[in-house]
Amino acid sequence: MKQGRARTAAALESAAISLVLEHGYDNVTVDMIADAAGVSQRTFFNYFATKEAALLGSAVPHVDREAARAFVASTGPLLAEAVHLVSFDEAALADHERLFVDRVRAIASNPALLTRQMEKFTLLESELQEIVGERLATQFGESDAAEAALITSVLTAVIRHQGQCFASAYAEGDEPPSSDELAALITRVVPRLA
């Protein structure tokens, strides 16, 4: 039953993305999406509240709780270790890599969708800032809110870069970079910024 729901949700997301790429966001209706996925409009609304929700999908990066505990207790290179805080469902991305690449293209085609996608990351960013603040307090005995906010802003830019790397890698049929490779890149780049 769970696999059937997942298949239906994926079919609706795929239909929404394909139709938006073909016709443009403003020209696509819920009826069109449901029809393309082979379900009723009622079934569509059992999965998604709006066509925008179907297009954006429900999967977002999330904080890995175990990595967060290790990060707060660590005294290593803060930003390089922070990239391990965020998890992507890499297996799902690999299974649906074409969908991932097409979703990025569809969202990028509409500024309002791009804004909505960024809003989805606001909660993640708040959670990351809290964790970074805890790390600063643990490692340095104090947590400066402005410092935690700046580090989190840099971290979210790194996460966005990682997402773009995933999209490019999948589009070109390459292997996406791992979190360890990203951490190594940060370790090389950050000293050049100071």
N, C-alpha and C. Protein backbone atom coordinates (compact mmCIF):
# COMPACT_ATOMS: atom_id res chain seq x y z
N MET A 1 0.83 -1.19 0.00
CA MET A 1 0.00 0.00 0.00
C MET A 1 0.87 1.25 0.00
N LYS A 2 1.91 1.27 0.85
CA LYS A 2 2.80 2.41 0.93
C LYS A 2 3.51 2.64 -0.41
N GLN A 3 3.94 1.55 -1.05
CA GLN A 3 4.62 1.68 -2.34
C GLN A 3 3.67 2.23 -3.39
N GLY A 4 2.39 1.85 -3.32
CA GLY A 4 1.40 2.37 -4.26
C GLY A 4 1.22 3.86 -4.10
N ARG A 5 1.19 4.34 -2.86
CA ARG A 5 1.07 5.78 -2.60
C ARG A 5 2.31 6.51 -3.12
N ALA A 6 3.47 5.93 -2.87
CA ALA A 6 4.71 6.55 -3.34
C ALA A 6 4.73 6.63 -4.86
N ARG A 7 4.28 5.57 -5.52
CA ARG A 7 4.23 5.57 -6.99
C ARG A 7 3.28 6.63 -7.53
N THR A 8 2.11 6.74 -6.89
CA THR A 8 1.13 7.73 -7.32
C THR A 8 1.67 9.14 -7.12
N ALA A 9 2.27 9.40 -5.97
CA ALA A 9 2.86 10.72 -5.71
C ALA A 9 3.94 11.03 -6.74
N ALA A 10 4.79 10.05 -7.02
CA ALA A 10 5.86 10.25 -8.01
C ALA A 10 5.28 10.50 -9.40
N ALA A 11 4.20 9.79 -9.74
CA ALA A 11 3.56 9.99 -11.05
C ALA A 11 2.98 11.40 -11.15
N LEU A 12 2.38 11.88 -10.08
CA LEU A 12 1.82 13.23 -10.08
C LEU A 12 2.93 14.29 -10.17
N GLU A 13 4.00 14.09 -9.42
CA GLU A 13 5.13 15.03 -9.48
C GLU A 13 5.73 15.04 -10.88
N SER A 14 5.93 13.86 -11.43
CA SER A 14 6.51 13.75 -12.78
C SER A 14 5.62 14.43 -13.82
N ALA A 15 4.32 14.20 -13.72
CA ALA A 15 3.38 14.82 -14.66
C ALA A 15 3.41 16.33 -14.53
N ALA A 16 3.41 16.84 -13.30
CA ALA A 16 3.45 18.29 -13.08
C ALA A 16 4.71 18.90 -13.68
N ILE A 17 5.84 18.26 -13.45
CA ILE A 17 7.12 18.78 -13.94
C ILE A 17 7.15 18.76 -15.46
N SER A 18 6.75 17.65 -16.06
CA SER A 18 6.76 17.53 -17.52
C SER A 18 5.84 18.56 -18.17
N LEU A 19 4.67 18.73 -17.61
CA LEU A 19 3.72 19.68 -18.18
C LEU A 19 4.21 21.13 -18.04
N VAL A 20 4.81 21.45 -16.91
CA VAL A 20 5.33 22.81 -16.73
C VAL A 20 6.48 23.07 -17.70
N LEU A 21 7.34 22.09 -17.90
CA LEU A 21 8.43 22.27 -18.86
C LEU A 21 7.90 22.43 -20.28
N GLU A 22 6.81 21.75 -20.58
CA GLU A 22 6.25 21.80 -21.93
C GLU A 22 5.38 23.05 -22.17
N HIS A 23 4.55 23.40 -21.17
CA HIS A 23 3.55 24.45 -21.38
C HIS A 23 3.78 25.72 -20.57
N GLY A 24 4.68 25.68 -19.60
CA GLY A 24 4.85 26.82 -18.70
C GLY A 24 3.91 26.69 -17.51
N TYR A 25 4.36 27.17 -16.37
CA TYR A 25 3.63 27.00 -15.12
C TYR A 25 2.21 27.55 -15.18
N ASP A 26 2.07 28.76 -15.71
CA ASP A 26 0.75 29.40 -15.73
C ASP A 26 -0.25 28.70 -16.63
N ASN A 27 0.20 27.89 -17.56
CA ASN A 27 -0.69 27.22 -18.50
C ASN A 27 -1.05 25.79 -18.08
N VAL A 28 -0.59 25.37 -16.93
CA VAL A 28 -0.86 24.00 -16.45
C VAL A 28 -1.92 24.05 -15.36
N THR A 29 -2.87 23.13 -15.43
CA THR A 29 -3.92 23.04 -14.42
C THR A 29 -3.81 21.72 -13.66
N VAL A 30 -4.47 21.67 -12.52
CA VAL A 30 -4.53 20.43 -11.74
C VAL A 30 -5.17 19.32 -12.58
N ASP A 31 -6.21 19.67 -13.35
CA ASP A 31 -6.85 18.67 -14.21
C ASP A 31 -5.85 18.07 -15.20
N MET A 32 -5.02 18.91 -15.78
CA MET A 32 -4.02 18.42 -16.73
C MET A 32 -3.06 17.45 -16.04
N ILE A 33 -2.62 17.82 -14.84
CA ILE A 33 -1.66 16.98 -14.10
C ILE A 33 -2.30 15.64 -13.75
N ALA A 34 -3.51 15.69 -13.22
CA ALA A 34 -4.21 14.45 -12.84
C ALA A 34 -4.41 13.56 -14.06
N ASP A 35 -4.85 14.16 -15.15
CA ASP A 35 -5.09 13.40 -16.39
C ASP A 35 -3.79 12.74 -16.88
N ALA A 36 -2.71 13.51 -16.89
CA ALA A 36 -1.42 12.97 -17.35
C ALA A 36 -0.92 11.84 -16.46
N ALA A 37 -1.26 11.91 -15.16
CA ALA A 37 -0.83 10.86 -14.22
C ALA A 37 -1.81 9.69 -14.19
N GLY A 38 -2.94 9.83 -14.87
CA GLY A 38 -3.92 8.75 -14.92
C GLY A 38 -4.74 8.60 -13.65
N VAL A 39 -4.96 9.73 -12.95
CA VAL A 39 -5.77 9.69 -11.73
C VAL A 39 -6.84 10.79 -11.80
N SER A 40 -7.76 10.75 -10.87
CA SER A 40 -8.81 11.77 -10.82
C SER A 40 -8.28 13.03 -10.12
N GLN A 41 -9.02 14.12 -10.31
CA GLN A 41 -8.65 15.36 -9.62
C GLN A 41 -8.75 15.14 -8.11
N ARG A 42 -9.73 14.38 -7.66
CA ARG A 42 -9.89 14.09 -6.23
C ARG A 42 -8.65 13.37 -5.70
N THR A 43 -8.15 12.40 -6.46
CA THR A 43 -6.94 11.69 -6.04
C THR A 43 -5.76 12.65 -5.97
N PHE A 44 -5.67 13.55 -6.96
CA PHE A 44 -4.60 14.55 -6.91
C PHE A 44 -4.61 15.26 -5.57
N PHE A 45 -5.81 15.74 -5.15
CA PHE A 45 -5.89 16.51 -3.91
C PHE A 45 -5.70 15.66 -2.65
N ASN A 46 -5.74 14.35 -2.78
CA ASN A 46 -5.38 13.49 -1.66
C ASN A 46 -3.86 13.50 -1.43
N TYR A 47 -3.12 13.91 -2.44
CA TYR A 47 -1.65 13.92 -2.36
C TYR A 47 -1.07 15.32 -2.24
N PHE A 48 -1.64 16.27 -2.95
CA PHE A 48 -1.09 17.62 -2.99
C PHE A 48 -2.20 18.66 -2.89
N ALA A 49 -1.95 19.74 -2.18
CA ALA A 49 -2.95 20.80 -2.02
C ALA A 49 -3.05 21.68 -3.26
N THR A 50 -1.94 21.79 -3.99
CA THR A 50 -1.91 22.69 -5.16
C THR A 50 -1.00 22.10 -6.23
N LYS A 51 -1.09 22.65 -7.44
CA LYS A 51 -0.17 22.22 -8.49
C LYS A 51 1.27 22.60 -8.12
N GLU A 52 1.42 23.73 -7.43
CA GLU A 52 2.74 24.15 -6.98
C GLU A 52 3.36 23.11 -6.06
N ALA A 53 2.56 22.57 -5.14
CA ALA A 53 3.06 21.55 -4.21
C ALA A 53 3.51 20.31 -4.96
N ALA A 54 2.75 19.92 -5.99
CA ALA A 54 3.15 18.75 -6.79
C ALA A 54 4.44 19.02 -7.53
N LEU A 55 4.60 20.22 -8.03
CA LEU A 55 5.81 20.56 -8.77
C LEU A 55 7.03 20.62 -7.85
N LEU A 56 6.86 21.24 -6.69
CA LEU A 56 7.99 21.37 -5.77
C LEU A 56 8.33 20.05 -5.10
N GLY A 57 7.33 19.18 -4.93
CA GLY A 57 7.58 17.90 -4.29
C GLY A 57 7.70 18.04 -2.79
N SER A 58 7.73 16.93 -2.12
CA SER A 58 7.76 16.95 -0.66
C SER A 58 9.16 16.72 -0.09
N ALA A 59 10.07 16.26 -0.92
CA ALA A 59 11.41 15.94 -0.41
C ALA A 59 12.27 17.20 -0.31
N VAL A 60 12.79 17.44 0.86
CA VAL A 60 13.74 18.53 1.06
C VAL A 60 14.90 17.99 1.87
N PRO A 61 16.03 18.63 1.78
CA PRO A 61 17.12 18.21 2.66
C PRO A 61 16.67 18.35 4.11
N HIS A 62 17.21 17.53 4.98
CA HIS A 62 16.85 17.57 6.39
C HIS A 62 18.09 17.41 7.25
N VAL A 63 17.96 17.82 8.50
CA VAL A 63 19.08 17.72 9.43
C VAL A 63 19.20 16.28 9.90
N ASP A 64 20.41 15.75 9.81
CA ASP A 64 20.72 14.41 10.30
C ASP A 64 21.00 14.55 11.80
N ARG A 65 20.11 14.00 12.62
CA ARG A 65 20.19 14.16 14.08
C ARG A 65 21.50 13.62 14.66
N GLU A 66 21.93 12.48 14.18
CA GLU A 66 23.18 11.89 14.68
C GLU A 66 24.37 12.78 14.32
N ALA A 67 24.38 13.29 13.08
CA ALA A 67 25.45 14.19 12.65
C ALA A 67 25.42 15.49 13.47
N ALA A 68 24.22 15.95 13.82
CA ALA A 68 24.10 17.19 14.61
C ALA A 68 24.72 17.01 15.99
N ARG A 69 24.45 15.88 16.62
CA ARG A 69 25.04 15.62 17.95
C ARG A 69 26.57 15.58 17.86
N ALA A 70 27.11 14.91 16.85
CA ALA A 70 28.56 14.83 16.69
C ALA A 70 29.14 16.20 16.38
N PHE A 71 28.44 16.98 15.57
CA PHE A 71 28.89 18.33 15.19
C PHE A 71 28.99 19.24 16.41
N VAL A 72 27.98 19.24 17.26
CA VAL A 72 27.97 20.11 18.44
C VAL A 72 29.12 19.75 19.38
N ALA A 73 29.45 18.47 19.49
CA ALA A 73 30.51 18.03 20.40
C ALA A 73 31.91 18.18 19.82
N SER A 74 32.03 18.39 18.52
CA SER A 74 33.33 18.43 17.86
C SER A 74 34.04 19.77 18.05
N THR A 75 35.35 19.73 17.81
CA THR A 75 36.14 20.97 17.81
C THR A 75 36.92 21.11 16.51
N GLY A 76 36.54 20.32 15.51
CA GLY A 76 37.22 20.36 14.22
C GLY A 76 36.81 21.57 13.39
N PRO A 77 37.15 21.57 12.11
CA PRO A 77 36.84 22.70 11.24
C PRO A 77 35.32 22.85 11.07
N LEU A 78 34.79 23.94 11.59
CA LEU A 78 33.35 24.10 11.73
C LEU A 78 32.58 23.98 10.42
N LEU A 79 32.92 24.76 9.42
CA LEU A 79 32.14 24.75 8.18
C LEU A 79 32.28 23.42 7.43
N ALA A 80 33.49 22.89 7.39
CA ALA A 80 33.70 21.62 6.71
C ALA A 80 32.90 20.50 7.38
N GLU A 81 32.79 20.55 8.70
CA GLU A 81 32.01 19.53 9.40
C GLU A 81 30.51 19.80 9.27
N ALA A 82 30.14 21.06 9.12
CA ALA A 82 28.72 21.42 9.04
C ALA A 82 28.04 20.84 7.80
N VAL A 83 28.80 20.59 6.72
CA VAL A 83 28.16 20.03 5.52
C VAL A 83 27.59 18.65 5.76
N HIS A 84 28.04 17.99 6.80
CA HIS A 84 27.52 16.65 7.12
C HIS A 84 26.21 16.72 7.91
N LEU A 85 25.80 17.93 8.31
CA LEU A 85 24.56 18.09 9.05
C LEU A 85 23.32 17.82 8.21
N VAL A 86 23.43 18.13 6.94
CA VAL A 86 22.27 18.07 6.05
C VAL A 86 22.32 16.81 5.23
N SER A 87 21.19 16.11 5.22
CA SER A 87 21.09 14.87 4.46
C SER A 87 20.15 15.05 3.28
N PHE A 88 20.56 14.50 2.17
CA PHE A 88 19.72 14.40 1.00
C PHE A 88 19.39 12.92 0.87
N ASP A 89 18.25 12.59 0.40
CA ASP A 89 17.92 11.19 0.16
C ASP A 89 18.57 10.80 -1.16
N GLU A 90 19.88 10.49 -1.08
CA GLU A 90 20.65 10.23 -2.30
C GLU A 90 20.14 9.01 -3.06
N ALA A 91 19.63 8.01 -2.35
CA ALA A 91 19.10 6.83 -3.04
C ALA A 91 17.88 7.21 -3.86
N ALA A 92 17.00 8.03 -3.29
CA ALA A 92 15.81 8.48 -4.02
C ALA A 92 16.22 9.35 -5.20
N LEU A 93 17.22 10.20 -5.00
CA LEU A 93 17.69 11.03 -6.11
C LEU A 93 18.24 10.17 -7.23
N ALA A 94 18.98 9.15 -6.88
CA ALA A 94 19.54 8.27 -7.91
C ALA A 94 18.43 7.53 -8.64
N ASP A 95 17.39 7.11 -7.91
CA ASP A 95 16.27 6.41 -8.54
C ASP A 95 15.47 7.32 -9.46
N HIS A 96 15.45 8.59 -9.15
CA HIS A 96 14.64 9.55 -9.91
C HIS A 96 15.50 10.71 -10.40
N GLU A 97 16.69 10.42 -10.88
CA GLU A 97 17.61 11.50 -11.24
C GLU A 97 17.07 12.38 -12.34
N ARG A 98 16.40 11.81 -13.34
CA ARG A 98 15.84 12.62 -14.42
C ARG A 98 14.78 13.57 -13.87
N LEU A 99 13.96 13.05 -12.95
CA LEU A 99 12.93 13.86 -12.31
C LEU A 99 13.58 15.01 -11.53
N PHE A 100 14.66 14.72 -10.84
CA PHE A 100 15.37 15.74 -10.07
C PHE A 100 15.87 16.86 -10.99
N VAL A 101 16.52 16.49 -12.06
CA VAL A 101 17.06 17.47 -13.00
C VAL A 101 15.93 18.28 -13.62
N ASP A 102 14.86 17.61 -14.04
CA ASP A 102 13.73 18.31 -14.64
C ASP A 102 13.04 19.23 -13.64
N ARG A 103 12.96 18.80 -12.37
CA ARG A 103 12.36 19.65 -11.34
C ARG A 103 13.16 20.93 -11.18
N VAL A 104 14.47 20.82 -11.14
CA VAL A 104 15.32 22.00 -11.02
C VAL A 104 15.07 22.94 -12.19
N ARG A 105 14.98 22.40 -13.40
CA ARG A 105 14.72 23.23 -14.59
C ARG A 105 13.35 23.90 -14.52
N ALA A 106 12.34 23.14 -14.11
CA ALA A 106 10.98 23.67 -14.04
C ALA A 106 10.88 24.78 -13.00
N ILE A 107 11.46 24.56 -11.84
CA ILE A 107 11.42 25.57 -10.78
C ILE A 107 12.17 26.82 -11.21
N ALA A 108 13.32 26.63 -11.83
CA ALA A 108 14.12 27.77 -12.28
C ALA A 108 13.43 28.59 -13.37
N SER A 109 12.45 28.00 -14.04
CA SER A 109 11.77 28.70 -15.13
C SER A 109 10.75 29.72 -14.63
N ASN A 110 10.46 29.73 -13.34
CA ASN A 110 9.44 30.62 -12.80
C ASN A 110 9.95 31.25 -11.51
N PRO A 111 10.14 32.58 -11.50
CA PRO A 111 10.67 33.23 -10.29
C PRO A 111 9.83 32.98 -9.03
N ALA A 112 8.52 32.91 -9.18
CA ALA A 112 7.66 32.67 -8.01
C ALA A 112 7.91 31.27 -7.44
N LEU A 113 8.11 30.30 -8.32
CA LEU A 113 8.41 28.94 -7.85
C LEU A 113 9.76 28.88 -7.17
N LEU A 114 10.71 29.60 -7.73
CA LEU A 114 12.05 29.63 -7.14
C LEU A 114 11.98 30.22 -5.73
N THR A 115 11.18 31.27 -5.58
CA THR A 115 10.99 31.88 -4.27
C THR A 115 10.35 30.90 -3.30
N ARG A 116 9.32 30.19 -3.75
CA ARG A 116 8.64 29.21 -2.89
C ARG A 116 9.59 28.09 -2.48
N GLN A 117 10.43 27.66 -3.42
CA GLN A 117 11.39 26.59 -3.09
C GLN A 117 12.35 27.08 -2.01
N MET A 118 12.77 28.33 -2.13
CA MET A 118 13.69 28.87 -1.13
C MET A 118 12.99 28.99 0.24
N GLU A 119 11.69 29.29 0.23
CA GLU A 119 10.94 29.38 1.48
C GLU A 119 10.91 28.02 2.19
N LYS A 120 10.90 26.94 1.43
CA LYS A 120 10.90 25.61 2.02
C LYS A 120 12.17 25.38 2.85
N PHE A 121 13.22 26.10 2.51
CA PHE A 121 14.49 25.93 3.20
C PHE A 121 14.61 26.82 4.44
N THR A 122 13.64 27.71 4.65
CA THR A 122 13.71 28.63 5.78
C THR A 122 13.73 27.88 7.10
N LEU A 123 12.87 26.88 7.24
CA LEU A 123 12.85 26.10 8.48
C LEU A 123 14.16 25.35 8.69
N LEU A 124 14.69 24.81 7.61
CA LEU A 124 15.97 24.12 7.69
C LEU A 124 17.06 25.09 8.14
N GLU A 125 17.04 26.29 7.59
CA GLU A 125 18.05 27.29 7.94
C GLU A 125 17.95 27.67 9.42
N SER A 126 16.74 27.82 9.93
CA SER A 126 16.56 28.14 11.36
C SER A 126 17.10 27.03 12.24
N GLU A 127 16.83 25.80 11.85
CA GLU A 127 17.32 24.65 12.60
C GLU A 127 18.85 24.60 12.57
N LEU A 128 19.42 24.87 11.41
CA LEU A 128 20.88 24.87 11.29
C LEU A 128 21.50 25.97 12.15
N GLN A 129 20.88 27.14 12.17
CA GLN A 129 21.42 28.25 12.96
C GLN A 129 21.43 27.90 14.44
N GLU A 130 20.40 27.22 14.90
CA GLU A 130 20.35 26.80 16.29
C GLU A 130 21.48 25.81 16.61
N ILE A 131 21.71 24.87 15.70
CA ILE A 131 22.78 23.87 15.89
C ILE A 131 24.15 24.54 15.86
N VAL A 132 24.34 25.47 14.93
CA VAL A 132 25.62 26.19 14.85
C VAL A 132 25.83 26.99 16.14
N GLY A 133 24.77 27.61 16.66
CA GLY A 133 24.87 28.33 17.93
C GLY A 133 25.28 27.42 19.07
N GLU A 134 24.71 26.22 19.11
CA GLU A 134 25.09 25.25 20.14
C GLU A 134 26.56 24.88 20.02
N ARG A 135 27.02 24.69 18.78
CA ARG A 135 28.43 24.34 18.55
C ARG A 135 29.34 25.46 19.03
N LEU A 136 28.99 26.70 18.70
CA LEU A 136 29.81 27.83 19.12
C LEU A 136 29.87 27.91 20.65
N ALA A 137 28.73 27.69 21.30
CA ALA A 137 28.71 27.72 22.77
C ALA A 137 29.54 26.60 23.36
N THR A 138 29.47 25.42 22.77
CA THR A 138 30.22 24.27 23.27
C THR A 138 31.72 24.45 23.04
N GLN A 139 32.09 24.89 21.84
CA GLN A 139 33.50 24.96 21.47
C GLN A 139 34.19 26.20 22.05
N PHE A 140 33.47 27.33 22.10
CA PHE A 140 34.12 28.58 22.48
C PHE A 140 33.57 29.18 23.78
N GLY A 141 32.61 28.49 24.39
CA GLY A 141 32.07 28.97 25.65
C GLY A 141 31.06 30.09 25.51
N GLU A 142 30.77 30.50 24.29
CA GLU A 142 29.77 31.53 24.04
C GLU A 142 29.20 31.36 22.64
N SER A 143 28.01 31.90 22.46
CA SER A 143 27.38 31.82 21.15
C SER A 143 26.91 33.21 20.75
N ASP A 144 27.56 33.77 19.77
CA ASP A 144 27.20 35.08 19.25
C ASP A 144 26.17 34.88 18.13
N ALA A 145 24.99 35.48 18.28
CA ALA A 145 23.89 35.27 17.32
C ALA A 145 24.28 35.74 15.92
N ALA A 146 24.99 36.85 15.82
CA ALA A 146 25.39 37.35 14.51
C ALA A 146 26.38 36.40 13.84
N GLU A 147 27.29 35.85 14.62
CA GLU A 147 28.27 34.89 14.09
C GLU A 147 27.58 33.61 13.64
N ALA A 148 26.64 33.12 14.45
CA ALA A 148 25.90 31.91 14.09
C ALA A 148 25.09 32.15 12.82
N ALA A 149 24.49 33.33 12.69
CA ALA A 149 23.70 33.66 11.49
C ALA A 149 24.57 33.71 10.25
N LEU A 150 25.75 34.31 10.35
CA LEU A 150 26.66 34.40 9.20
C LEU A 150 27.15 33.01 8.79
N ILE A 151 27.55 32.21 9.75
CA ILE A 151 28.01 30.85 9.44
C ILE A 151 26.89 30.06 8.77
N THR A 152 25.67 30.21 9.27
CA THR A 152 24.53 29.50 8.69
C THR A 152 24.25 29.98 7.27
N SER A 153 24.39 31.27 7.03
CA SER A 153 24.20 31.79 5.67
C SER A 153 25.22 31.19 4.71
N VAL A 154 26.45 31.11 5.15
CA VAL A 154 27.49 30.49 4.32
C VAL A 154 27.16 29.01 4.10
N LEU A 155 26.72 28.35 5.15
CA LEU A 155 26.37 26.93 5.06
C LEU A 155 25.22 26.71 4.07
N THR A 156 24.19 27.55 4.12
CA THR A 156 23.07 27.37 3.19
C THR A 156 23.51 27.64 1.75
N ALA A 157 24.46 28.54 1.56
CA ALA A 157 25.01 28.75 0.20
C ALA A 157 25.74 27.49 -0.26
N VAL A 158 26.45 26.85 0.66
CA VAL A 158 27.15 25.60 0.34
C VAL A 158 26.14 24.50 0.00
N ILE A 159 25.02 24.44 0.73
CA ILE A 159 23.98 23.45 0.46
C ILE A 159 23.37 23.69 -0.92
N ARG A 160 23.13 24.96 -1.25
CA ARG A 160 22.60 25.30 -2.57
C ARG A 160 23.59 24.87 -3.65
N HIS A 161 24.87 25.12 -3.41
CA HIS A 161 25.92 24.69 -4.34
C HIS A 161 25.90 23.17 -4.51
N GLN A 162 25.73 22.47 -3.39
CA GLN A 162 25.68 21.00 -3.44
C GLN A 162 24.50 20.54 -4.29
N GLY A 163 23.34 21.18 -4.12
CA GLY A 163 22.17 20.83 -4.93
C GLY A 163 22.42 21.07 -6.41
N GLN A 164 23.09 22.18 -6.73
CA GLN A 164 23.42 22.46 -8.13
C GLN A 164 24.40 21.43 -8.68
N CYS A 165 25.33 21.00 -7.84
CA CYS A 165 26.28 19.95 -8.26
C CYS A 165 25.55 18.64 -8.52
N PHE A 166 24.58 18.31 -7.67
CA PHE A 166 23.78 17.10 -7.89
C PHE A 166 23.08 17.18 -9.23
N ALA A 167 22.42 18.32 -9.48
CA ALA A 167 21.66 18.49 -10.73
C ALA A 167 22.58 18.37 -11.94
N SER A 168 23.72 19.04 -11.89
CA SER A 168 24.66 18.99 -13.01
C SER A 168 25.20 17.58 -13.23
N ALA A 169 25.55 16.92 -12.13
CA ALA A 169 26.09 15.56 -12.24
C ALA A 169 25.07 14.62 -12.86
N TYR A 170 23.84 14.68 -12.39
CA TYR A 170 22.80 13.80 -12.93
C TYR A 170 22.50 14.13 -14.39
N ALA A 171 22.49 15.42 -14.72
CA ALA A 171 22.22 15.83 -16.10
C ALA A 171 23.30 15.32 -17.05
N GLU A 172 24.53 15.25 -16.56
CA GLU A 172 25.64 14.83 -17.40
C GLU A 172 25.98 13.36 -17.25
N GLY A 173 25.22 12.66 -16.40
CA GLY A 173 25.46 11.23 -16.20
C GLY A 173 26.68 10.94 -15.35
N ASP A 174 27.11 11.92 -14.56
CA ASP A 174 28.26 11.74 -13.68
C ASP A 174 27.80 11.40 -12.27
N GLU A 175 28.75 11.01 -11.46
CA GLU A 175 28.49 10.72 -10.05
C GLU A 175 28.50 12.06 -9.30
N PRO A 176 27.47 12.34 -8.48
CA PRO A 176 27.47 13.61 -7.73
C PRO A 176 28.55 13.59 -6.65
N PRO A 177 29.03 14.77 -6.27
CA PRO A 177 30.06 14.81 -5.22
C PRO A 177 29.49 14.38 -3.88
N SER A 178 30.30 13.72 -3.09
CA SER A 178 29.87 13.29 -1.75
C SER A 178 30.05 14.45 -0.77
N SER A 179 29.47 14.30 0.41
CA SER A 179 29.66 15.30 1.46
C SER A 179 31.12 15.41 1.85
N ASP A 180 31.85 14.29 1.82
CA ASP A 180 33.28 14.32 2.13
C ASP A 180 34.05 15.13 1.10
N GLU A 181 33.69 14.98 -0.17
CA GLU A 181 34.36 15.77 -1.22
C GLU A 181 34.05 17.25 -1.06
N LEU A 182 32.81 17.56 -0.68
CA LEU A 182 32.44 18.95 -0.46
C LEU A 182 33.20 19.53 0.74
N ALA A 183 33.32 18.74 1.79
CA ALA A 183 34.07 19.19 2.97
C ALA A 183 35.53 19.45 2.60
N ALA A 184 36.11 18.60 1.77
CA ALA A 184 37.50 18.81 1.34
C ALA A 184 37.63 20.10 0.51
N LEU A 185 36.65 20.36 -0.33
CA LEU A 185 36.66 21.59 -1.11
C LEU A 185 36.58 22.81 -0.20
N ILE A 186 35.71 22.76 0.79
CA ILE A 186 35.59 23.86 1.75
C ILE A 186 36.91 24.09 2.47
N THR A 187 37.55 23.00 2.89
CA THR A 187 38.83 23.10 3.61
C THR A 187 39.89 23.79 2.75
N ARG A 188 39.84 23.57 1.43
CA ARG A 188 40.79 24.24 0.52
C ARG A 188 40.42 25.70 0.30
N VAL A 189 39.12 25.99 0.18
CA VAL A 189 38.66 27.32 -0.22
C VAL A 189 38.62 28.33 0.93
N VAL A 190 38.15 27.92 2.09
CA VAL A 190 37.94 28.86 3.18
C VAL A 190 39.19 29.67 3.55
N PRO A 191 40.38 29.07 3.63
CA PRO A 191 41.55 29.89 3.95
C PRO A 191 41.82 31.00 2.91
N ARG A 192 41.36 30.80 1.70
CA ARG A 192 41.55 31.82 0.66
C ARG A 192 40.63 33.02 0.86
N LEU A 193 39.58 32.84 1.66
CA LEU A 193 38.62 33.92 1.90
C LEU A 193 39.07 34.86 3.01
N ALA A 194 39.94 34.39 3.87
CA ALA A 194 40.34 35.19 5.04
C ALA A 194 41.40 36.22 4.69
